[in-house]
Amino acid sequence: MGRFIYDTAGNSVDIDDRTLAHLRIVVMNKLRRSESFMFDVEMGDGSGRRSFWMHPSVPLQFHFFGSRQPRINRAWIEDLMQAASGPNGLSIVPEPTDEAPPLEG
């Protein structure tokens, strides 16, 4: 289980390492292009959903608790990128079957 940490106030959400690794790639690519977007995520404790405004000026951390880099699913990255570019922003969508060779990373 990893943790997405937003801003210097320590706002955070626990997200499993595999999902977090995919989200990191999407966020990194969007912000590298100076594309701001909304990230909507369910809280793991059942307390509802939180929305984070993702902007290059906001400090972010991706804290991974596992020691191994997960295999990256290209199809999932594409689905997440499409969601992040849509009118509702980024949300965690189910992982599709990956038929392409894994990304090296």
Protein backbone atom coordinates (compact mmCIF):
# COMPACT_ATOMS: atom_id res chain seq x y z
CA MET A 1 0.00 0.00 0.00
CA GLY A 2 1.42 3.36 -1.05
CA ARG A 3 0.44 6.92 -0.31
CA PHE A 4 -0.32 9.92 -2.52
CA ILE A 5 0.63 13.08 -0.62
CA TYR A 6 -0.75 16.42 -1.79
CA ASP A 7 0.68 19.83 -0.79
CA THR A 8 2.75 20.74 2.25
CA ALA A 9 -0.17 20.32 4.65
CA GLY A 10 0.16 16.55 4.38
CA ASN A 11 -3.19 15.80 2.73
CA SER A 12 -2.88 12.19 1.68
CA VAL A 13 -4.69 9.14 0.35
CA ASP A 14 -3.57 5.52 0.65
CA ILE A 15 -3.47 3.79 -2.74
CA ASP A 16 -1.99 0.38 -3.53
CA ASP A 17 1.52 0.54 -4.99
CA ARG A 18 0.56 -0.87 -8.40
CA THR A 19 -2.19 1.69 -8.95
CA LEU A 20 -0.01 4.48 -7.53
CA ALA A 21 2.79 3.66 -9.99
CA HIS A 22 0.37 4.09 -12.89
CA LEU A 23 -1.08 7.30 -11.46
CA ARG A 24 2.45 8.69 -11.02
CA ILE A 25 3.18 8.25 -14.72
CA VAL A 26 -0.07 9.96 -15.73
CA VAL A 27 0.36 12.87 -13.29
CA MET A 28 4.01 13.32 -14.25
CA ASN A 29 3.17 13.48 -17.96
CA LYS A 30 0.23 15.86 -17.54
CA LEU A 31 2.12 18.26 -15.27
CA ARG A 32 5.26 18.13 -17.40
CA ARG A 33 3.09 19.58 -20.18
CA SER A 34 1.71 22.20 -17.74
CA GLU A 35 -1.76 20.66 -17.99
CA SER A 36 -3.72 21.15 -14.78
CA PHE A 37 -6.57 18.74 -14.02
CA MET A 38 -8.78 17.38 -11.25
CA PHE A 39 -7.90 14.09 -9.53
CA ASP A 40 -10.90 12.45 -7.86
CA VAL A 41 -10.28 9.48 -5.57
CA GLU A 42 -12.25 7.41 -3.08
CA MET A 43 -10.88 7.47 0.44
CA GLY A 44 -9.80 4.00 1.55
CA ASP A 45 -11.49 4.37 4.93
CA GLY A 46 -15.03 4.64 3.54
CA SER A 47 -15.32 8.36 4.31
CA GLY A 48 -16.23 9.33 0.76
CA ARG A 49 -14.31 10.90 -2.09
CA ARG A 50 -11.75 13.69 -2.31
CA SER A 51 -10.88 15.87 -5.25
CA PHE A 52 -7.42 17.34 -5.70
CA TRP A 53 -6.63 20.15 -8.15
CA MET A 54 -3.43 19.00 -9.85
CA HIS A 55 -1.23 21.92 -10.84
CA PRO A 56 2.54 22.16 -11.43
CA SER A 57 2.91 24.57 -8.50
CA VAL A 58 1.49 22.14 -5.91
CA PRO A 59 4.04 19.88 -4.15
CA LEU A 60 3.24 16.18 -4.64
CA GLN A 61 4.75 12.99 -3.30
CA PHE A 62 4.21 9.38 -4.28
CA HIS A 63 5.30 7.18 -1.37
CA PHE A 64 5.71 3.52 -2.28
CA PHE A 65 5.95 1.00 0.55
CA GLY A 66 6.91 -1.96 -1.63
CA SER A 67 10.49 -2.50 -2.73
CA ARG A 68 9.73 -3.67 -6.27
CA GLN A 69 8.71 -1.55 -9.24
CA PRO A 70 5.37 -2.94 -10.51
CA ARG A 71 5.02 -4.01 -14.14
CA ILE A 72 3.43 -1.12 -16.05
CA ASN A 73 0.31 -1.79 -18.12
CA ARG A 74 0.36 0.47 -21.20
CA ALA A 75 -3.35 0.10 -21.80
CA TRP A 76 -4.12 1.25 -18.26
CA ILE A 77 -1.84 4.29 -18.69
CA GLU A 78 -3.75 5.19 -21.86
CA ASP A 79 -7.13 4.80 -20.10
CA LEU A 80 -5.97 6.92 -17.15
CA MET A 81 -4.53 9.60 -19.49
CA GLN A 82 -7.83 9.73 -21.36
CA ALA A 83 -9.73 10.13 -18.07
CA ALA A 84 -7.35 12.90 -16.90
CA SER A 85 -7.93 14.78 -20.14
CA GLY A 86 -11.72 14.43 -19.95
CA PRO A 87 -14.28 16.79 -18.42
CA ASN A 88 -14.42 14.91 -15.08
CA GLY A 89 -10.67 14.65 -14.62
CA LEU A 90 -8.59 11.73 -13.45
CA SER A 91 -10.17 8.94 -11.46
CA ILE A 92 -8.97 5.40 -10.92
CA VAL A 93 -10.51 3.25 -13.64
CA PRO A 94 -10.32 -0.56 -13.64
CA GLU A 95 -7.14 -2.05 -15.08
CA PRO A 96 -7.70 -3.51 -18.55
CA THR A 97 -5.99 -6.60 -19.86
CA ASP A 98 -2.56 -5.64 -21.15
CA GLU A 99 -1.73 -7.33 -24.44
CA ALA A 100 1.32 -5.17 -25.20
CA PRO A 101 4.79 -5.99 -23.89
CA PRO A 102 5.53 -4.39 -20.50
CA LEU A 103 7.20 -1.00 -20.27
CA GLU A 104 10.72 -1.17 -18.92
CA GLY A 105 11.15 1.01 -15.90
